[in-house]
Amino acid sequence: MIKDYDSRLFNDEGYPLNKPTDCLFDYLTDHLLANHLFGDDIRLRGVFEFEGGVHVLITQPFVHGHHMDWEELVSRLENQGLEHAEPGSAKARFWIDGGPAGKILVTDVHEDNVIVASSGIAYPIDVHFSFGSRQERLAALEAMGIW
């Protein structure tokens, strides 16, 4: 799969759409974290300017499977070692064991961003990771040996 991400999505004034992260650095390091923690293979393919915005081009392998309802999503992810951050709610936030980095909060983990393959494994796609500060994000990346 190919994704063209318009960096203007990080600028509330210039392009007021929903933004998944606060800055381009967080967006790119979210992909490093997904590769490391979920075994994904997201790759940066290029950066280009178009119509006044910088675009980031990434690729990600296609996952054959289906989306599930909320209850199945929570159950499958918990069986795979994630912990729902707010049990009993429909908040799309889960904790994952980051090994030497400790628990890491994974956000945007909703029905459209998780696919179950024929193997029964649930694959989070296009999710994000939340940290209290840039220093916490960098410390986690360093602790996991990916920065």
N, C-alpha and C. Protein backbone atom coordinates (compact mmCIF):
# COMPACT_ATOMS: atom_id res chain seq x y z
N MET A 1 0.85 -1.16 0.00
CA MET A 1 0.00 0.00 0.00
C MET A 1 0.90 1.23 0.00
N ILE A 2 0.45 2.27 -0.66
CA ILE A 2 1.18 3.53 -0.72
C ILE A 2 0.33 4.60 -0.03
N LYS A 3 0.97 5.40 0.81
CA LYS A 3 0.26 6.48 1.48
C LYS A 3 1.01 7.79 1.25
N ASP A 4 0.28 8.79 0.79
CA ASP A 4 0.82 10.14 0.59
C ASP A 4 0.25 10.98 1.72
N TYR A 5 1.11 11.42 2.62
CA TYR A 5 0.65 12.19 3.77
C TYR A 5 1.04 13.64 3.60
N ASP A 6 0.08 14.52 3.58
CA ASP A 6 0.29 15.96 3.42
C ASP A 6 0.64 16.56 4.78
N SER A 7 1.85 17.10 4.91
CA SER A 7 2.29 17.61 6.21
C SER A 7 1.49 18.81 6.68
N ARG A 8 0.70 19.43 5.80
CA ARG A 8 -0.15 20.55 6.24
C ARG A 8 -1.17 20.08 7.27
N LEU A 9 -1.37 18.78 7.37
CA LEU A 9 -2.30 18.27 8.38
C LEU A 9 -1.80 18.55 9.79
N PHE A 10 -0.52 18.90 9.92
CA PHE A 10 0.03 19.22 11.24
C PHE A 10 -0.16 20.69 11.59
N ASN A 11 -0.70 21.49 10.67
CA ASN A 11 -0.85 22.92 10.86
C ASN A 11 -2.33 23.26 10.92
N ASP A 12 -2.85 23.48 12.12
CA ASP A 12 -4.28 23.75 12.29
C ASP A 12 -4.76 24.97 11.52
N GLU A 13 -3.90 25.98 11.37
CA GLU A 13 -4.32 27.21 10.72
C GLU A 13 -4.34 27.08 9.20
N GLY A 14 -3.36 26.38 8.64
CA GLY A 14 -3.24 26.33 7.19
C GLY A 14 -4.06 25.25 6.53
N TYR A 15 -4.42 24.23 7.27
CA TYR A 15 -5.09 23.09 6.65
C TYR A 15 -5.86 22.36 7.75
N PRO A 16 -6.98 22.91 8.20
CA PRO A 16 -7.65 22.42 9.41
C PRO A 16 -8.40 21.09 9.25
N LEU A 17 -7.65 20.00 9.20
CA LEU A 17 -8.24 18.67 9.20
C LEU A 17 -7.82 17.96 10.46
N ASN A 18 -8.38 16.80 10.70
CA ASN A 18 -7.95 16.01 11.86
C ASN A 18 -6.49 15.64 11.68
N LYS A 19 -5.72 15.78 12.73
CA LYS A 19 -4.31 15.43 12.64
C LYS A 19 -4.02 14.31 13.63
N PRO A 20 -3.28 13.29 13.18
CA PRO A 20 -3.01 12.15 14.04
C PRO A 20 -1.91 12.39 15.07
N THR A 21 -0.98 13.28 14.77
CA THR A 21 0.13 13.57 15.67
C THR A 21 0.40 15.06 15.65
N ASP A 22 1.22 15.51 16.58
CA ASP A 22 1.49 16.94 16.70
C ASP A 22 2.51 17.47 15.70
N CYS A 23 3.37 16.60 15.20
CA CYS A 23 4.40 17.08 14.28
C CYS A 23 4.88 15.94 13.39
N LEU A 24 5.59 16.32 12.35
CA LEU A 24 6.08 15.34 11.39
C LEU A 24 7.05 14.35 12.05
N PHE A 25 7.85 14.81 13.00
CA PHE A 25 8.77 13.92 13.71
C PHE A 25 8.00 12.79 14.40
N ASP A 26 6.92 13.14 15.09
CA ASP A 26 6.10 12.13 15.77
C ASP A 26 5.49 11.16 14.76
N TYR A 27 5.00 11.69 13.65
CA TYR A 27 4.41 10.85 12.61
C TYR A 27 5.42 9.82 12.10
N LEU A 28 6.63 10.28 11.79
CA LEU A 28 7.65 9.38 11.26
C LEU A 28 8.13 8.38 12.31
N THR A 29 8.31 8.83 13.55
CA THR A 29 8.76 7.89 14.59
C THR A 29 7.64 6.93 15.00
N ASP A 30 6.38 7.31 14.79
CA ASP A 30 5.28 6.35 14.99
C ASP A 30 5.48 5.13 14.09
N HIS A 31 5.96 5.36 12.87
CA HIS A 31 6.20 4.25 11.96
C HIS A 31 7.35 3.38 12.43
N LEU A 32 8.40 3.99 12.97
CA LEU A 32 9.50 3.20 13.54
C LEU A 32 8.97 2.31 14.67
N LEU A 33 8.14 2.89 15.52
CA LEU A 33 7.57 2.14 16.64
C LEU A 33 6.66 1.01 16.15
N ALA A 34 5.83 1.28 15.14
CA ALA A 34 4.95 0.23 14.61
C ALA A 34 5.78 -0.90 14.02
N ASN A 35 6.84 -0.57 13.32
CA ASN A 35 7.72 -1.60 12.76
C ASN A 35 8.32 -2.44 13.88
N HIS A 36 8.77 -1.81 14.93
CA HIS A 36 9.43 -2.51 16.02
C HIS A 36 8.45 -3.31 16.89
N LEU A 37 7.35 -2.69 17.27
CA LEU A 37 6.43 -3.31 18.23
C LEU A 37 5.41 -4.25 17.59
N PHE A 38 5.04 -4.00 16.33
CA PHE A 38 4.03 -4.82 15.67
C PHE A 38 4.58 -5.64 14.51
N GLY A 39 5.88 -5.55 14.27
CA GLY A 39 6.47 -6.30 13.16
C GLY A 39 6.03 -5.80 11.81
N ASP A 40 5.62 -4.54 11.74
CA ASP A 40 5.19 -3.96 10.47
C ASP A 40 6.41 -3.71 9.60
N ASP A 41 6.20 -3.30 8.37
CA ASP A 41 7.29 -3.01 7.45
C ASP A 41 6.97 -1.72 6.70
N ILE A 42 6.77 -0.64 7.46
CA ILE A 42 6.47 0.67 6.88
C ILE A 42 7.80 1.29 6.46
N ARG A 43 7.83 1.79 5.23
CA ARG A 43 9.07 2.37 4.71
C ARG A 43 8.84 3.77 4.16
N LEU A 44 9.77 4.65 4.48
CA LEU A 44 9.75 5.99 3.93
C LEU A 44 10.29 5.90 2.51
N ARG A 45 9.49 6.34 1.54
CA ARG A 45 9.89 6.25 0.14
C ARG A 45 10.32 7.59 -0.44
N GLY A 46 9.87 8.66 0.17
CA GLY A 46 10.29 9.96 -0.34
C GLY A 46 9.52 11.10 0.28
N VAL A 47 10.01 12.29 0.00
CA VAL A 47 9.38 13.53 0.45
C VAL A 47 9.37 14.44 -0.76
N PHE A 48 8.23 15.11 -1.01
CA PHE A 48 8.16 16.02 -2.14
C PHE A 48 7.24 17.19 -1.80
N GLU A 49 7.41 18.27 -2.52
CA GLU A 49 6.57 19.44 -2.33
C GLU A 49 5.52 19.50 -3.44
N PHE A 50 4.29 19.80 -3.05
CA PHE A 50 3.21 19.88 -4.02
C PHE A 50 2.16 20.86 -3.50
N GLU A 51 1.77 21.81 -4.31
CA GLU A 51 0.74 22.79 -3.97
C GLU A 51 0.97 23.43 -2.61
N GLY A 52 2.21 23.81 -2.34
CA GLY A 52 2.53 24.53 -1.12
C GLY A 52 2.67 23.67 0.12
N GLY A 53 2.62 22.38 -0.03
CA GLY A 53 2.77 21.50 1.13
C GLY A 53 3.82 20.45 0.90
N VAL A 54 4.46 20.04 1.96
CA VAL A 54 5.43 18.96 1.90
C VAL A 54 4.66 17.66 2.09
N HIS A 55 4.89 16.70 1.21
CA HIS A 55 4.22 15.41 1.29
C HIS A 55 5.23 14.33 1.65
N VAL A 56 4.79 13.39 2.45
CA VAL A 56 5.62 12.26 2.85
C VAL A 56 5.01 11.02 2.22
N LEU A 57 5.81 10.28 1.50
CA LEU A 57 5.35 9.08 0.81
C LEU A 57 5.90 7.86 1.52
N ILE A 58 4.99 7.00 2.01
CA ILE A 58 5.39 5.77 2.68
C ILE A 58 4.73 4.57 2.00
N THR A 59 5.30 3.40 2.22
CA THR A 59 4.66 2.16 1.78
C THR A 59 4.52 1.25 2.99
N GLN A 60 3.55 0.37 2.88
CA GLN A 60 3.25 -0.59 3.94
C GLN A 60 2.65 -1.82 3.27
N PRO A 61 3.08 -3.02 3.68
CA PRO A 61 2.51 -4.22 3.08
C PRO A 61 0.99 -4.29 3.28
N PHE A 62 0.30 -4.79 2.27
CA PHE A 62 -1.14 -4.99 2.35
C PHE A 62 -1.43 -6.18 3.26
N VAL A 63 -2.40 -6.03 4.16
CA VAL A 63 -2.81 -7.12 5.04
C VAL A 63 -4.15 -7.64 4.54
N HIS A 64 -4.18 -8.90 4.10
CA HIS A 64 -5.43 -9.53 3.68
C HIS A 64 -6.19 -9.92 4.93
N GLY A 65 -7.43 -9.51 5.02
CA GLY A 65 -8.20 -9.87 6.20
C GLY A 65 -9.48 -9.05 6.27
N HIS A 66 -9.98 -8.91 7.50
CA HIS A 66 -11.22 -8.18 7.70
C HIS A 66 -11.13 -7.34 8.96
N HIS A 67 -12.01 -6.35 9.02
CA HIS A 67 -12.13 -5.55 10.24
C HIS A 67 -13.12 -6.25 11.16
N MET A 68 -13.04 -5.98 12.42
CA MET A 68 -13.93 -6.63 13.38
C MET A 68 -14.68 -5.59 14.20
N ASP A 69 -15.66 -6.05 14.95
CA ASP A 69 -16.37 -5.11 15.81
C ASP A 69 -15.52 -4.85 17.05
N TRP A 70 -15.94 -3.85 17.84
CA TRP A 70 -15.15 -3.38 18.97
C TRP A 70 -14.84 -4.48 19.99
N GLU A 71 -15.82 -5.28 20.32
CA GLU A 71 -15.61 -6.32 21.34
C GLU A 71 -14.56 -7.34 20.89
N GLU A 72 -14.64 -7.76 19.63
CA GLU A 72 -13.66 -8.71 19.12
C GLU A 72 -12.28 -8.07 19.05
N LEU A 73 -12.22 -6.81 18.65
CA LEU A 73 -10.95 -6.10 18.58
C LEU A 73 -10.27 -6.09 19.95
N VAL A 74 -10.99 -5.70 20.98
CA VAL A 74 -10.43 -5.64 22.32
C VAL A 74 -9.97 -7.03 22.75
N SER A 75 -10.80 -8.04 22.54
CA SER A 75 -10.45 -9.40 22.93
C SER A 75 -9.19 -9.89 22.23
N ARG A 76 -9.13 -9.72 20.92
CA ARG A 76 -7.96 -10.20 20.16
C ARG A 76 -6.68 -9.47 20.58
N LEU A 77 -6.76 -8.16 20.71
CA LEU A 77 -5.57 -7.41 21.09
C LEU A 77 -5.11 -7.77 22.51
N GLU A 78 -6.05 -7.97 23.41
CA GLU A 78 -5.66 -8.38 24.76
C GLU A 78 -5.04 -9.77 24.75
N ASN A 79 -5.55 -10.67 23.91
CA ASN A 79 -4.94 -12.00 23.78
C ASN A 79 -3.54 -11.94 23.18
N GLN A 80 -3.25 -10.84 22.45
CA GLN A 80 -1.93 -10.66 21.86
C GLN A 80 -1.02 -9.83 22.76
N GLY A 81 -1.45 -9.57 24.00
CA GLY A 81 -0.58 -8.91 24.97
C GLY A 81 -0.79 -7.43 25.17
N LEU A 82 -1.72 -6.81 24.45
CA LEU A 82 -2.01 -5.41 24.68
C LEU A 82 -3.03 -5.30 25.80
N GLU A 83 -3.06 -4.17 26.45
CA GLU A 83 -3.98 -3.95 27.57
C GLU A 83 -4.84 -2.73 27.27
N HIS A 84 -6.16 -2.91 27.28
CA HIS A 84 -7.05 -1.79 27.01
C HIS A 84 -6.85 -0.75 28.11
N ALA A 85 -6.59 0.48 27.72
CA ALA A 85 -6.27 1.54 28.68
C ALA A 85 -7.45 1.93 29.55
N GLU A 86 -8.67 1.79 29.03
CA GLU A 86 -9.85 2.16 29.79
C GLU A 86 -10.92 1.08 29.62
N PRO A 87 -10.73 -0.06 30.32
CA PRO A 87 -11.67 -1.18 30.19
C PRO A 87 -13.12 -0.74 30.39
N GLY A 88 -13.99 -1.32 29.59
CA GLY A 88 -15.41 -1.01 29.68
C GLY A 88 -15.82 0.20 28.86
N SER A 89 -14.84 0.90 28.29
CA SER A 89 -15.16 2.05 27.46
C SER A 89 -14.86 1.71 26.00
N ALA A 90 -15.25 2.61 25.11
CA ALA A 90 -14.94 2.43 23.69
C ALA A 90 -13.77 3.32 23.29
N LYS A 91 -12.93 3.68 24.25
CA LYS A 91 -11.76 4.51 23.95
C LYS A 91 -10.71 3.66 23.26
N ALA A 92 -10.22 4.13 22.13
CA ALA A 92 -9.32 3.36 21.26
C ALA A 92 -7.86 3.54 21.69
N ARG A 93 -7.59 3.20 22.95
CA ARG A 93 -6.25 3.36 23.51
C ARG A 93 -5.85 2.08 24.23
N PHE A 94 -4.65 1.61 23.94
CA PHE A 94 -4.14 0.37 24.53
C PHE A 94 -2.70 0.57 24.98
N TRP A 95 -2.32 -0.15 26.00
CA TRP A 95 -0.92 -0.18 26.44
C TRP A 95 -0.25 -1.40 25.81
N ILE A 96 1.02 -1.21 25.41
CA ILE A 96 1.82 -2.30 24.89
C ILE A 96 3.14 -2.32 25.65
N ASP A 97 3.68 -3.50 25.86
CA ASP A 97 4.96 -3.64 26.53
C ASP A 97 6.08 -3.25 25.57
N GLY A 98 6.75 -2.17 25.89
CA GLY A 98 7.86 -1.69 25.07
C GLY A 98 9.20 -2.23 25.52
N GLY A 99 9.17 -3.34 26.28
CA GLY A 99 10.43 -3.93 26.75
C GLY A 99 11.18 -2.95 27.63
N PRO A 100 12.43 -2.62 27.26
CA PRO A 100 13.22 -1.72 28.09
C PRO A 100 12.64 -0.30 28.18
N ALA A 101 11.72 0.05 27.31
CA ALA A 101 11.09 1.38 27.34
C ALA A 101 9.88 1.41 28.26
N GLY A 102 9.47 0.25 28.81
CA GLY A 102 8.28 0.19 29.66
C GLY A 102 7.01 0.17 28.83
N LYS A 103 5.89 0.43 29.48
CA LYS A 103 4.60 0.44 28.79
C LYS A 103 4.48 1.68 27.92
N ILE A 104 3.95 1.48 26.71
CA ILE A 104 3.76 2.58 25.77
C ILE A 104 2.29 2.63 25.39
N LEU A 105 1.74 3.83 25.37
CA LEU A 105 0.33 4.01 25.03
C LEU A 105 0.17 4.09 23.52
N VAL A 106 -0.65 3.18 22.97
CA VAL A 106 -0.96 3.14 21.54
C VAL A 106 -2.34 3.75 21.37
N THR A 107 -2.46 4.73 20.48
CA THR A 107 -3.73 5.43 20.30
C THR A 107 -4.26 5.25 18.88
N ASP A 108 -5.49 5.63 18.69
CA ASP A 108 -6.17 5.52 17.40
C ASP A 108 -6.36 4.06 16.99
N VAL A 109 -6.53 3.20 17.99
CA VAL A 109 -6.67 1.75 17.77
C VAL A 109 -8.17 1.43 17.72
N HIS A 110 -8.79 1.78 16.60
CA HIS A 110 -10.23 1.54 16.45
C HIS A 110 -10.48 0.51 15.36
N GLU A 111 -11.73 0.19 15.15
CA GLU A 111 -12.11 -0.89 14.23
C GLU A 111 -11.55 -0.73 12.82
N ASP A 112 -11.42 0.48 12.32
CA ASP A 112 -10.90 0.69 10.97
C ASP A 112 -9.38 0.59 10.90
N ASN A 113 -8.71 0.61 12.05
CA ASN A 113 -7.25 0.58 12.08
C ASN A 113 -6.67 -0.75 12.58
N VAL A 114 -7.49 -1.78 12.62
CA VAL A 114 -7.01 -3.11 12.99
C VAL A 114 -7.63 -4.11 12.02
N ILE A 115 -6.77 -4.96 11.46
CA ILE A 115 -7.24 -5.97 10.50
C ILE A 115 -6.87 -7.35 11.04
N VAL A 116 -7.83 -8.28 10.98
CA VAL A 116 -7.57 -9.67 11.36
C VAL A 116 -7.26 -10.46 10.09
N ALA A 117 -6.08 -11.06 10.08
CA ALA A 117 -5.68 -11.89 8.94
C ALA A 117 -6.30 -13.27 9.08
N SER A 118 -6.21 -14.07 8.03
CA SER A 118 -6.76 -15.43 8.07
C SER A 118 -6.09 -16.28 9.15
N SER A 119 -4.90 -15.89 9.57
CA SER A 119 -4.19 -16.61 10.65
C SER A 119 -4.83 -16.35 12.01
N GLY A 120 -5.72 -15.34 12.09
CA GLY A 120 -6.35 -14.98 13.35
C GLY A 120 -5.61 -13.89 14.10
N ILE A 121 -4.48 -13.47 13.58
CA ILE A 121 -3.70 -12.40 14.22
C ILE A 121 -4.28 -11.05 13.83
N ALA A 122 -4.43 -10.19 14.83
CA ALA A 122 -4.91 -8.83 14.60
C ALA A 122 -3.71 -7.91 14.36
N TYR A 123 -3.76 -7.18 13.25
CA TYR A 123 -2.67 -6.27 12.87
C TYR A 123 -3.13 -4.82 12.98
N PRO A 124 -2.61 -4.08 13.98
CA PRO A 124 -2.91 -2.65 14.03
C PRO A 124 -2.21 -1.95 12.87
N ILE A 125 -2.92 -1.09 12.18
CA ILE A 125 -2.34 -0.31 11.09
C ILE A 125 -2.70 1.15 11.33
N ASP A 126 -1.84 2.04 10.95
CA ASP A 126 -2.11 3.48 11.05
C ASP A 126 -2.46 3.91 12.47
N VAL A 127 -1.80 3.31 13.46
CA VAL A 127 -2.01 3.71 14.84
C VAL A 127 -0.89 4.66 15.26
N HIS A 128 -1.03 5.25 16.42
CA HIS A 128 -0.06 6.24 16.89
C HIS A 128 0.34 5.92 18.32
N PHE A 129 1.42 6.54 18.75
CA PHE A 129 1.98 6.28 20.07
C PHE A 129 2.06 7.60 20.83
N SER A 130 1.61 7.58 22.07
CA SER A 130 1.51 8.81 22.85
C SER A 130 2.57 8.85 23.94
N PHE A 131 3.26 9.97 24.01
CA PHE A 131 4.28 10.21 25.04
C PHE A 131 4.01 11.56 25.67
N GLY A 132 4.46 11.74 26.89
CA GLY A 132 4.25 13.01 27.59
C GLY A 132 5.08 14.15 27.05
N SER A 133 6.18 13.83 26.39
CA SER A 133 7.06 14.87 25.86
C SER A 133 7.94 14.29 24.76
N ARG A 134 8.63 15.16 24.05
CA ARG A 134 9.58 14.73 23.03
C ARG A 134 10.71 13.93 23.68
N GLN A 135 11.14 14.34 24.87
CA GLN A 135 12.21 13.63 25.56
C GLN A 135 11.79 12.20 25.91
N GLU A 136 10.54 12.02 26.33
CA GLU A 136 10.05 10.66 26.63
C GLU A 136 10.01 9.81 25.38
N ARG A 137 9.61 10.38 24.27
CA ARG A 137 9.57 9.65 22.99
C ARG A 137 10.99 9.23 22.60
N LEU A 138 11.93 10.16 22.66
CA LEU A 138 13.31 9.85 22.30
C LEU A 138 13.91 8.81 23.25
N ALA A 139 13.61 8.92 24.53
CA ALA A 139 14.13 7.95 25.50
C ALA A 139 13.60 6.55 25.20
N ALA A 140 12.33 6.44 24.83
CA ALA A 140 11.75 5.14 24.49
C ALA A 140 12.40 4.57 23.24
N LEU A 141 12.57 5.41 22.23
CA LEU A 141 13.21 4.96 20.99
C LEU A 141 14.64 4.49 21.26
N GLU A 142 15.35 5.23 22.10
CA GLU A 142 16.73 4.84 22.45
C GLU A 142 16.75 3.55 23.25
N ALA A 143 15.84 3.41 24.21
CA ALA A 143 15.81 2.20 25.05
C ALA A 143 15.54 0.96 24.22
N MET A 144 14.75 1.09 23.15
CA MET A 144 14.44 -0.04 22.30
C MET A 144 15.49 -0.25 21.20
N GLY A 145 16.47 0.65 21.16
CA GLY A 145 17.54 0.51 20.17
C GLY A 145 17.15 0.84 18.76
N ILE A 146 16.13 1.69 18.60
CA ILE A 146 15.70 2.05 17.24
C ILE A 146 15.96 3.52 16.93
N TRP A 147 16.69 4.20 17.82
CA TRP A 147 17.07 5.59 17.56
C TRP A 147 18.53 5.77 17.85
